Amino acid sequence: MELTGVIVALSALKEPCKVILTTDSKYVADSVVKGWVYNWKNKNWIKKGEPVPNADLWKQLLPLLDKHDVTFNWVKGHAGHPENERCDRLAVKQRDIYSFR
């Protein structure tokens, strides 16, 4: 879900933007900041002999990272960061709404 959230957010931007993307997902932040996603791409989405999980989503995200100047800011989840706590509440609310359909 974290990857989908980043993709949806960046896709909503109609022009190239400078973005500070705050996330509590080490998976998302580290994969980009530490360059793992670019290595996976260069290795045809294979990691340790296995397909990279969520390769379809990473393939959607990479063009958006090319379009926008994105800085990733990792924060610990459920640690009192106001915007992170708000996002968590919104995500839980949406999950609850859509789980009844």
PDB file of N, CA and C in Angstrom:
ATOM      1  N   MET A   1       0.812  -1.200   0.000  1.00  0.00           N
ATOM      2  CA  MET A   1       0.000   0.000   0.000  1.00  0.00           C
ATOM      3  C   MET A   1       0.853   1.262   0.000  1.00  0.00           C
ATOM      4  N   GLU A   2       2.011   1.186   0.656  1.00  0.00           N
ATOM      5  CA  GLU A   2       2.857   2.383   0.710  1.00  0.00           C
ATOM      6  C   GLU A   2       3.299   2.806  -0.691  1.00  0.00           C
ATOM      7  N   LEU A   3       3.677   1.831  -1.498  1.00  0.00           N
ATOM      8  CA  LEU A   3       4.086   2.149  -2.870  1.00  0.00           C
ATOM      9  C   LEU A   3       2.933   2.743  -3.660  1.00  0.00           C
ATOM     10  N   THR A   4       1.763   2.177  -3.519  1.00  0.00           N
ATOM     11  CA  THR A   4       0.590   2.692  -4.228  1.00  0.00           C
ATOM     12  C   THR A   4       0.310   4.126  -3.808  1.00  0.00           C
ATOM     13  N   GLY A   5       0.420   4.427  -2.538  1.00  0.00           N
ATOM     14  CA  GLY A   5       0.200   5.787  -2.053  1.00  0.00           C
ATOM     15  C   GLY A   5       1.160   6.778  -2.678  1.00  0.00           C
ATOM     16  N   VAL A   6       2.423   6.392  -2.788  1.00  0.00           N
ATOM     17  CA  VAL A   6       3.430   7.272  -3.391  1.00  0.00           C
ATOM     18  C   VAL A   6       3.113   7.484  -4.870  1.00  0.00           C
ATOM     19  N   ILE A   7       2.753   6.419  -5.555  1.00  0.00           N
ATOM     20  CA  ILE A   7       2.432   6.504  -6.986  1.00  0.00           C
ATOM     21  C   ILE A   7       1.227   7.412  -7.218  1.00  0.00           C
ATOM     22  N   VAL A   8       0.183   7.225  -6.438  1.00  0.00           N
ATOM     23  CA  VAL A   8      -1.025   8.042  -6.594  1.00  0.00           C
ATOM     24  C   VAL A   8      -0.718   9.508  -6.311  1.00  0.00           C
ATOM     25  N   ALA A   9       0.036   9.758  -5.239  1.00  0.00           N
ATOM     26  CA  ALA A   9       0.358  11.143  -4.875  1.00  0.00           C
ATOM     27  C   ALA A   9       1.168  11.832  -5.969  1.00  0.00           C
ATOM     28  N   LEU A  10       2.216  11.174  -6.437  1.00  0.00           N
ATOM     29  CA  LEU A  10       3.065  11.800  -7.461  1.00  0.00           C
ATOM     30  C   LEU A  10       2.340  11.911  -8.802  1.00  0.00           C
ATOM     31  N   SER A  11       1.452  10.974  -9.085  1.00  0.00           N
ATOM     32  CA  SER A  11       0.681  11.017 -10.338  1.00  0.00           C
ATOM     33  C   SER A  11      -0.288  12.185 -10.354  1.00  0.00           C
ATOM     34  N   ALA A  12      -0.698  12.639  -9.192  1.00  0.00           N
ATOM     35  CA  ALA A  12      -1.644  13.758  -9.114  1.00  0.00           C
ATOM     36  C   ALA A  12      -1.003  15.087  -9.497  1.00  0.00           C
ATOM     37  N   LEU A  13       0.311  15.135  -9.488  1.00  0.00           N
ATOM     38  CA  LEU A  13       1.029  16.373  -9.827  1.00  0.00           C
ATOM     39  C   LEU A  13       1.106  16.493 -11.337  1.00  0.00           C
ATOM     40  N   LYS A  14       0.567  17.585 -11.867  1.00  0.00           N
ATOM     41  CA  LYS A  14       0.458  17.737 -13.321  1.00  0.00           C
ATOM     42  C   LYS A  14       1.714  18.301 -13.975  1.00  0.00           C
ATOM     43  N   GLU A  15       2.538  18.972 -13.194  1.00  0.00           N
ATOM     44  CA  GLU A  15       3.794  19.526 -13.710  1.00  0.00           C
ATOM     45  C   GLU A  15       4.930  19.009 -12.839  1.00  0.00           C
ATOM     46  N   PRO A  16       6.152  19.002 -13.361  1.00  0.00           N
ATOM     47  CA  PRO A  16       7.279  18.588 -12.523  1.00  0.00           C
ATOM     48  C   PRO A  16       7.361  19.459 -11.262  1.00  0.00           C
ATOM     49  N   CYS A  17       7.555  18.803 -10.141  1.00  0.00           N
ATOM     50  CA  CYS A  17       7.567  19.495  -8.851  1.00  0.00           C
ATOM     51  C   CYS A  17       8.747  19.040  -8.006  1.00  0.00           C
ATOM     52  N   LYS A  18       9.114  19.888  -7.082  1.00  0.00           N
ATOM     53  CA  LYS A  18      10.060  19.509  -6.041  1.00  0.00           C
ATOM     54  C   LYS A  18       9.219  19.008  -4.869  1.00  0.00           C
ATOM     55  N   VAL A  19       9.448  17.779  -4.447  1.00  0.00           N
ATOM     56  CA  VAL A  19       8.598  17.124  -3.470  1.00  0.00           C
ATOM     57  C   VAL A  19       9.440  16.598  -2.308  1.00  0.00           C
ATOM     58  N   ILE A  20       8.980  16.868  -1.102  1.00  0.00           N
ATOM     59  CA  ILE A  20       9.529  16.190   0.069  1.00  0.00           C
ATOM     60  C   ILE A  20       8.488  15.161   0.461  1.00  0.00           C
ATOM     61  N   LEU A  21       8.821  13.900   0.274  1.00  0.00           N
ATOM     62  CA  LEU A  21       7.889  12.821   0.504  1.00  0.00           C
ATOM     63  C   LEU A  21       8.214  12.184   1.856  1.00  0.00           C
ATOM     64  N   THR A  22       7.329  12.370   2.805  1.00  0.00           N
ATOM     65  CA  THR A  22       7.519  11.814   4.137  1.00  0.00           C
ATOM     66  C   THR A  22       6.794  10.486   4.221  1.00  0.00           C
ATOM     67  N   THR A  23       7.509   9.454   4.654  1.00  0.00           N
ATOM     68  CA  THR A  23       6.944   8.111   4.729  1.00  0.00           C
ATOM     69  C   THR A  23       7.456   7.396   5.965  1.00  0.00           C
ATOM     70  N   ASP A  24       6.651   6.473   6.472  1.00  0.00           N
ATOM     71  CA  ASP A  24       7.120   5.627   7.558  1.00  0.00           C
ATOM     72  C   ASP A  24       7.550   4.260   7.022  1.00  0.00           C
ATOM     73  N   SER A  25       7.642   4.150   5.712  1.00  0.00           N
ATOM     74  CA  SER A  25       8.038   2.899   5.076  1.00  0.00           C
ATOM     75  C   SER A  25       9.529   2.907   4.743  1.00  0.00           C
ATOM     76  N   LYS A  26      10.299   2.144   5.524  1.00  0.00           N
ATOM     77  CA  LYS A  26      11.724   1.991   5.212  1.00  0.00           C
ATOM     78  C   LYS A  26      11.879   1.298   3.865  1.00  0.00           C
ATOM     79  N   TYR A  27      10.966   0.394   3.574  1.00  0.00           N
ATOM     80  CA  TYR A  27      10.987  -0.328   2.301  1.00  0.00           C
ATOM     81  C   TYR A  27      10.976   0.642   1.125  1.00  0.00           C
ATOM     82  N   VAL A  28      10.063   1.588   1.138  1.00  0.00           N
ATOM     83  CA  VAL A  28       9.957   2.547   0.043  1.00  0.00           C
ATOM     84  C   VAL A  28      11.149   3.501   0.049  1.00  0.00           C
ATOM     85  N   ALA A  29      11.404   4.125   1.186  1.00  0.00           N
ATOM     86  CA  ALA A  29      12.466   5.135   1.264  1.00  0.00           C
ATOM     87  C   ALA A  29      13.833   4.531   0.946  1.00  0.00           C
ATOM     88  N   ASP A  30      14.178   3.443   1.609  1.00  0.00           N
ATOM     89  CA  ASP A  30      15.508   2.857   1.400  1.00  0.00           C
ATOM     90  C   ASP A  30      15.677   2.318  -0.011  1.00  0.00           C
ATOM     91  N   SER A  31      14.625   1.754  -0.571  1.00  0.00           N
ATOM     92  CA  SER A  31      14.733   1.205  -1.924  1.00  0.00           C
ATOM     93  C   SER A  31      15.129   2.268  -2.938  1.00  0.00           C
ATOM     94  N   VAL A  32      14.649   3.490  -2.727  1.00  0.00           N
ATOM     95  CA  VAL A  32      14.998   4.578  -3.641  1.00  0.00           C
ATOM     96  C   VAL A  32      16.298   5.240  -3.209  1.00  0.00           C
ATOM     97  N   VAL A  33      16.372   5.658  -1.962  1.00  0.00           N
ATOM     98  CA  VAL A  33      17.525   6.423  -1.478  1.00  0.00           C
ATOM     99  C   VAL A  33      18.822   5.608  -1.582  1.00  0.00           C
ATOM    100  N   LYS A  34      18.747   4.340  -1.265  1.00  0.00           N
ATOM    101  CA  LYS A  34      19.944   3.493  -1.311  1.00  0.00           C
ATOM    102  C   LYS A  34      20.191   2.895  -2.691  1.00  0.00           C
ATOM    103  N   GLY A  35      19.287   3.202  -3.636  1.00  0.00           N
ATOM    104  CA  GLY A  35      19.500   2.803  -5.025  1.00  0.00           C
ATOM    105  C   GLY A  35      19.127   1.376  -5.350  1.00  0.00           C
ATOM    106  N   TRP A  36      18.497   0.677  -4.425  1.00  0.00           N
ATOM    107  CA  TRP A  36      18.163  -0.718  -4.683  1.00  0.00           C
ATOM    108  C   TRP A  36      17.262  -0.865  -5.897  1.00  0.00           C
ATOM    109  N   VAL A  37      16.260   0.002  -6.023  1.00  0.00           N
ATOM    110  CA  VAL A  37      15.293  -0.123  -7.112  1.00  0.00           C
ATOM    111  C   VAL A  37      15.983   0.017  -8.473  1.00  0.00           C
ATOM    112  N   TYR A  38      17.002   0.846  -8.551  1.00  0.00           N
ATOM    113  CA  TYR A  38      17.717   1.011  -9.814  1.00  0.00           C
ATOM    114  C   TYR A  38      18.550  -0.233 -10.134  1.00  0.00           C
ATOM    115  N   ASN A  39      19.098  -0.869  -9.111  1.00  0.00           N
ATOM    116  CA  ASN A  39      19.811  -2.136  -9.309  1.00  0.00           C
ATOM    117  C   ASN A  39      18.842  -3.225  -9.767  1.00  0.00           C
ATOM    118  N   TRP A  40      17.659  -3.272  -9.143  1.00  0.00           N
ATOM    119  CA  TRP A  40      16.674  -4.275  -9.554  1.00  0.00           C
ATOM    120  C   TRP A  40      16.284  -4.078 -11.019  1.00  0.00           C
ATOM    121  N   LYS A  41      16.103  -2.828 -11.396  1.00  0.00           N
ATOM    122  CA  LYS A  41      15.745  -2.541 -12.793  1.00  0.00           C
ATOM    123  C   LYS A  41      16.855  -2.995 -13.726  1.00  0.00           C
ATOM    124  N   ASN A  42      18.101  -2.664 -13.373  1.00  0.00           N
ATOM    125  CA  ASN A  42      19.240  -3.037 -14.208  1.00  0.00           C
ATOM    126  C   ASN A  42      19.420  -4.551 -14.306  1.00  0.00           C
ATOM    127  N   LYS A  43      18.911  -5.272 -13.307  1.00  0.00           N
ATOM    128  CA  LYS A  43      19.005  -6.735 -13.307  1.00  0.00           C
ATOM    129  C   LYS A  43      17.690  -7.378 -13.745  1.00  0.00           C
ATOM    130  N   ASN A  44      16.908  -6.622 -14.521  1.00  0.00           N
ATOM    131  CA  ASN A  44      15.633  -7.114 -15.068  1.00  0.00           C
ATOM    132  C   ASN A  44      14.676  -7.593 -13.982  1.00  0.00           C
ATOM    133  N   TRP A  45      14.640  -6.849 -12.880  1.00  0.00           N
ATOM    134  CA  TRP A  45      13.697  -7.071 -11.791  1.00  0.00           C
ATOM    135  C   TRP A  45      13.870  -8.435 -11.126  1.00  0.00           C
ATOM    136  N   ILE A  46      15.130  -8.848 -11.038  1.00  0.00           N
ATOM    137  CA  ILE A  46      15.491 -10.080 -10.333  1.00  0.00           C
ATOM    138  C   ILE A  46      16.392  -9.710  -9.170  1.00  0.00           C
ATOM    139  N   LYS A  47      16.115 -10.294  -7.999  1.00  0.00           N
ATOM    140  CA  LYS A  47      16.922 -10.060  -6.794  1.00  0.00           C
ATOM    141  C   LYS A  47      17.196 -11.413  -6.161  1.00  0.00           C
ATOM    142  N   LYS A  48      18.473 -11.727  -6.026  1.00  0.00           N
ATOM    143  CA  LYS A  48      18.878 -13.015  -5.435  1.00  0.00           C
ATOM    144  C   LYS A  48      18.213 -14.183  -6.152  1.00  0.00           C
ATOM    145  N   GLY A  49      18.134 -14.094  -7.474  1.00  0.00           N
ATOM    146  CA  GLY A  49      17.581 -15.170  -8.283  1.00  0.00           C
ATOM    147  C   GLY A  49      16.064 -15.258  -8.309  1.00  0.00           C
ATOM    148  N   GLU A  50      15.386 -14.352  -7.623  1.00  0.00           N
ATOM    149  CA  GLU A  50      13.921 -14.352  -7.537  1.00  0.00           C
ATOM    150  C   GLU A  50      13.370 -13.047  -8.104  1.00  0.00           C
ATOM    151  N   PRO A  51      12.135 -13.071  -8.609  1.00  0.00           N
ATOM    152  CA  PRO A  51      11.512 -11.817  -9.053  1.00  0.00           C
ATOM    153  C   PRO A  51      11.385 -10.834  -7.888  1.00  0.00           C
ATOM    154  N   VAL A  52      11.611  -9.576  -8.180  1.00  0.00           N
ATOM    155  CA  VAL A  52      11.474  -8.523  -7.171  1.00  0.00           C
ATOM    156  C   VAL A  52       9.998  -8.374  -6.812  1.00  0.00           C
ATOM    157  N   PRO A  53       9.671  -8.412  -5.513  1.00  0.00           N
ATOM    158  CA  PRO A  53       8.280  -8.163  -5.126  1.00  0.00           C
ATOM    159  C   PRO A  53       7.844  -6.762  -5.563  1.00  0.00           C
ATOM    160  N   ASN A  54       6.628  -6.660  -6.013  1.00  0.00           N
ATOM    161  CA  ASN A  54       6.024  -5.383  -6.407  1.00  0.00           C
ATOM    162  C   ASN A  54       6.714  -4.725  -7.602  1.00  0.00           C
ATOM    163  N   ALA A  55       7.348  -5.507  -8.440  1.00  0.00           N
ATOM    164  CA  ALA A  55       8.042  -4.936  -9.599  1.00  0.00           C
ATOM    165  C   ALA A  55       7.097  -4.094 -10.451  1.00  0.00           C
ATOM    166  N   ASP A  56       5.845  -4.514 -10.552  1.00  0.00           N
ATOM    167  CA  ASP A  56       4.876  -3.744 -11.341  1.00  0.00           C
ATOM    168  C   ASP A  56       4.707  -2.340 -10.785  1.00  0.00           C
ATOM    169  N   LEU A  57       4.704  -2.227  -9.460  1.00  0.00           N
ATOM    170  CA  LEU A  57       4.562  -0.904  -8.842  1.00  0.00           C
ATOM    171  C   LEU A  57       5.844  -0.096  -8.972  1.00  0.00           C
ATOM    172  N   TRP A  58       6.981  -0.730  -8.778  1.00  0.00           N
ATOM    173  CA  TRP A  58       8.257  -0.012  -8.945  1.00  0.00           C
ATOM    174  C   TRP A  58       8.390   0.527 -10.374  1.00  0.00           C
ATOM    175  N   LYS A  59       7.917  -0.243 -11.350  1.00  0.00           N
ATOM    176  CA  LYS A  59       7.966   0.206 -12.745  1.00  0.00           C
ATOM    177  C   LYS A  59       7.080   1.430 -12.965  1.00  0.00           C
ATOM    178  N   GLN A  60       5.997   1.544 -12.228  1.00  0.00           N
ATOM    179  CA  GLN A  60       5.148   2.734 -12.313  1.00  0.00           C
ATOM    180  C   GLN A  60       5.783   3.922 -11.615  1.00  0.00           C
ATOM    181  N   LEU A  61       6.507   3.652 -10.527  1.00  0.00           N
ATOM    182  CA  LEU A  61       7.084   4.734  -9.739  1.00  0.00           C
ATOM    183  C   LEU A  61       8.299   5.371 -10.404  1.00  0.00           C
ATOM    184  N   LEU A  62       9.136   4.594 -11.054  1.00  0.00           N
ATOM    185  CA  LEU A  62      10.389   5.140 -11.597  1.00  0.00           C
ATOM    186  C   LEU A  62      10.194   6.320 -12.546  1.00  0.00           C
ATOM    187  N   PRO A  63       9.250   6.273 -13.486  1.00  0.00           N
ATOM    188  CA  PRO A  63       9.060   7.456 -14.348  1.00  0.00           C
ATOM    189  C   PRO A  63       8.625   8.690 -13.559  1.00  0.00           C
ATOM    190  N   LEU A  64       7.889   8.477 -12.487  1.00  0.00           N
ATOM    191  CA  LEU A  64       7.458   9.604 -11.656  1.00  0.00           C
ATOM    192  C   LEU A  64       8.642  10.211 -10.914  1.00  0.00           C
ATOM    193  N   LEU A  65       9.571   9.371 -10.497  1.00  0.00           N
ATOM    194  CA  LEU A  65      10.781   9.873  -9.846  1.00  0.00           C
ATOM    195  C   LEU A  65      11.664  10.620 -10.839  1.00  0.00           C
ATOM    196  N   ASP A  66      11.593  10.222 -12.104  1.00  0.00           N
ATOM    197  CA  ASP A  66      12.325  10.955 -13.144  1.00  0.00           C
ATOM    198  C   ASP A  66      11.687  12.316 -13.405  1.00  0.00           C
ATOM    199  N   LYS A  67      10.378  12.362 -13.328  1.00  0.00           N
ATOM    200  CA  LYS A  67       9.651  13.593 -13.626  1.00  0.00           C
ATOM    201  C   LYS A  67       9.796  14.624 -12.505  1.00  0.00           C
ATOM    202  N   HIS A  68       9.745  14.159 -11.270  1.00  0.00           N
ATOM    203  CA  HIS A  68       9.743  15.060 -10.122  1.00  0.00           C
ATOM    204  C   HIS A  68      11.067  14.979  -9.364  1.00  0.00           C
ATOM    205  N   ASP A  69      11.399  16.046  -8.689  1.00  0.00           N
ATOM    206  CA  ASP A  69      12.575  16.102  -7.827  1.00  0.00           C
ATOM    207  C   ASP A  69      12.114  15.695  -6.424  1.00  0.00           C
ATOM    208  N   VAL A  70      12.250  14.410  -6.111  1.00  0.00           N
ATOM    209  CA  VAL A  70      11.686  13.858  -4.883  1.00  0.00           C
ATOM    210  C   VAL A  70      12.783  13.605  -3.857  1.00  0.00           C
ATOM    211  N   THR A  71      12.582  14.139  -2.672  1.00  0.00           N
ATOM    212  CA  THR A  71      13.438  13.861  -1.522  1.00  0.00           C
ATOM    213  C   THR A  71      12.622  13.022  -0.547  1.00  0.00           C
ATOM    214  N   PHE A  72      13.157  11.874  -0.170  1.00  0.00           N
ATOM    215  CA  PHE A  72      12.452  11.001   0.761  1.00  0.00           C
ATOM    216  C   PHE A  72      12.858  11.343   2.185  1.00  0.00           C
ATOM    217  N   ASN A  73      11.857  11.449   3.037  1.00  0.00           N
ATOM    218  CA  ASN A  73      12.059  11.750   4.451  1.00  0.00           C
ATOM    219  C   ASN A  73      11.380  10.639   5.252  1.00  0.00           C
ATOM    220  N   TRP A  74      12.179   9.749   5.862  1.00  0.00           N
ATOM    221  CA  TRP A  74      11.612   8.660   6.638  1.00  0.00           C
ATOM    222  C   TRP A  74      11.344   9.114   8.063  1.00  0.00           C
ATOM    223  N   VAL A  75      10.163   8.762   8.574  1.00  0.00           N
ATOM    224  CA  VAL A  75       9.821   8.994   9.973  1.00  0.00           C
ATOM    225  C   VAL A  75       9.331   7.676  10.555  1.00  0.00           C
ATOM    226  N   LYS A  76       9.563   7.492  11.830  1.00  0.00           N
ATOM    227  CA  LYS A  76       9.081   6.283  12.499  1.00  0.00           C
ATOM    228  C   LYS A  76       7.558   6.338  12.593  1.00  0.00           C
ATOM    229  N   GLY A  77       6.912   5.257  12.206  1.00  0.00           N
ATOM    230  CA  GLY A  77       5.458   5.199  12.275  1.00  0.00           C
ATOM    231  C   GLY A  77       4.952   5.105  13.703  1.00  0.00           C
ATOM    232  N   HIS A  78       3.786   5.642  13.927  1.00  0.00           N
ATOM    233  CA  HIS A  78       3.118   5.593  15.231  1.00  0.00           C
ATOM    234  C   HIS A  78       3.998   6.166  16.345  1.00  0.00           C
ATOM    235  N   ALA A  79       4.696   7.232  16.003  1.00  0.00           N
ATOM    236  CA  ALA A  79       5.620   7.842  16.969  1.00  0.00           C
ATOM    237  C   ALA A  79       5.285   9.311  17.212  1.00  0.00           C
ATOM    238  N   GLY A  80       4.066   9.711  16.874  1.00  0.00           N
ATOM    239  CA  GLY A  80       3.635  11.062  17.183  1.00  0.00           C
ATOM    240  C   GLY A  80       3.880  12.097  16.108  1.00  0.00           C
ATOM    241  N   HIS A  81       4.391  11.711  14.955  1.00  0.00           N
ATOM    242  CA  HIS A  81       4.560  12.664  13.851  1.00  0.00           C
ATOM    243  C   HIS A  81       3.153  13.033  13.360  1.00  0.00           C
ATOM    244  N   PRO A  82       2.736  14.303  13.493  1.00  0.00           N
ATOM    245  CA  PRO A  82       1.325  14.670  13.236  1.00  0.00           C
ATOM    246  C   PRO A  82       0.801  14.269  11.857  1.00  0.00           C
ATOM    247  N   GLU A  83       1.555  14.555  10.811  1.00  0.00           N
ATOM    248  CA  GLU A  83       1.077  14.231   9.471  1.00  0.00           C
ATOM    249  C   GLU A  83       1.049  12.721   9.247  1.00  0.00           C
ATOM    250  N   ASN A  84       2.040  12.023   9.791  1.00  0.00           N
ATOM    251  CA  ASN A  84       2.064  10.570   9.656  1.00  0.00           C
ATOM    252  C   ASN A  84       0.886   9.942  10.388  1.00  0.00           C
ATOM    253  N   GLU A  85       0.580  10.443  11.551  1.00  0.00           N
ATOM    254  CA  GLU A  85      -0.568   9.930  12.308  1.00  0.00           C
ATOM    255  C   GLU A  85      -1.871  10.201  11.549  1.00  0.00           C
ATOM    256  N   ARG A  86      -1.977  11.379  10.942  1.00  0.00           N
ATOM    257  CA  ARG A  86      -3.180  11.711  10.164  1.00  0.00           C
ATOM    258  C   ARG A  86      -3.315  10.778   8.960  1.00  0.00           C
ATOM    259  N   CYS A  87      -2.218  10.555   8.260  1.00  0.00           N
ATOM    260  CA  CYS A  87      -2.255   9.651   7.104  1.00  0.00           C
ATOM    261  C   CYS A  87      -2.662   8.248   7.522  1.00  0.00           C
ATOM    262  N   ASP A  88      -2.163   7.800   8.657  1.00  0.00           N
ATOM    263  CA  ASP A  88      -2.528   6.481   9.146  1.00  0.00           C
ATOM    264  C   ASP A  88      -4.029   6.401   9.434  1.00  0.00           C
ATOM    265  N   ARG A  89      -4.564   7.432  10.078  1.00  0.00           N
ATOM    266  CA  ARG A  89      -6.009   7.448  10.354  1.00  0.00           C
ATOM    267  C   ARG A  89      -6.813   7.417   9.051  1.00  0.00           C
ATOM    268  N   LEU A  90      -6.393   8.196   8.059  1.00  0.00           N
ATOM    269  CA  LEU A  90      -7.093   8.227   6.769  1.00  0.00           C
ATOM    270  C   LEU A  90      -7.015   6.881   6.057  1.00  0.00           C
ATOM    271  N   ALA A  91      -5.843   6.253   6.110  1.00  0.00           N
ATOM    272  CA  ALA A  91      -5.672   4.952   5.457  1.00  0.00           C
ATOM    273  C   ALA A  91      -6.551   3.898   6.119  1.00  0.00           C
ATOM    274  N   VAL A  92      -6.591   3.891   7.434  1.00  0.00           N
ATOM    275  CA  VAL A  92      -7.427   2.924   8.151  1.00  0.00           C
ATOM    276  C   VAL A  92      -8.900   3.158   7.827  1.00  0.00           C
ATOM    277  N   LYS A  93      -9.298   4.415   7.767  1.00  0.00           N
ATOM    278  CA  LYS A  93     -10.688   4.735   7.437  1.00  0.00           C
ATOM    279  C   LYS A  93     -11.042   4.217   6.041  1.00  0.00           C
ATOM    280  N   GLN A  94     -10.176   4.453   5.075  1.00  0.00           N
ATOM    281  CA  GLN A  94     -10.437   3.981   3.714  1.00  0.00           C
ATOM    282  C   GLN A  94     -10.451   2.465   3.653  1.00  0.00           C
ATOM    283  N   ARG A  95      -9.540   1.834   4.374  1.00  0.00           N
ATOM    284  CA  ARG A  95      -9.527   0.366   4.411  1.00  0.00           C
ATOM    285  C   ARG A  95     -10.859  -0.144   4.934  1.00  0.00           C
ATOM    286  N   ASP A  96     -11.335   0.479   6.003  1.00  0.00           N
ATOM    287  CA  ASP A  96     -12.595   0.038   6.599  1.00  0.00           C
ATOM    288  C   ASP A  96     -13.771   0.260   5.666  1.00  0.00           C
ATOM    289  N   ILE A  97     -13.773   1.372   4.962  1.00  0.00           N
ATOM    290  CA  ILE A  97     -14.847   1.657   4.005  1.00  0.00           C
ATOM    291  C   ILE A  97     -14.859   0.625   2.892  1.00  0.00           C
ATOM    292  N   TYR A  98     -13.692   0.352   2.301  1.00  0.00           N
ATOM    293  CA  TYR A  98     -13.627  -0.515   1.145  1.00  0.00           C
ATOM    294  C   TYR A  98     -13.640  -1.997   1.491  1.00  0.00           C
ATOM    295  N   SER A  99     -13.430  -2.336   2.755  1.00  0.00           N
ATOM    296  CA  SER A  99     -13.466  -3.766   3.123  1.00  0.00           C
ATOM    297  C   SER A  99     -14.899  -4.290   3.184  1.00  0.00           C
ATOM    298  N   PHE A 100     -15.887  -3.400   3.187  1.00  0.00           N
ATOM    299  CA  PHE A 100     -17.278  -3.828   3.227  1.00  0.00           C
ATOM    300  C   PHE A 100     -17.872  -3.993   1.836  1.00  0.00           C
ATOM    301  N   ARG A 101     -17.121  -3.722   0.810  1.00  0.00           N
ATOM    302  CA  ARG A 101     -17.656  -3.817  -0.556  1.00  0.00           C
ATOM    303  C   ARG A 101     -17.441  -5.179  -1.145  1.00  0.00           C
TER     304      ARG A 101
END
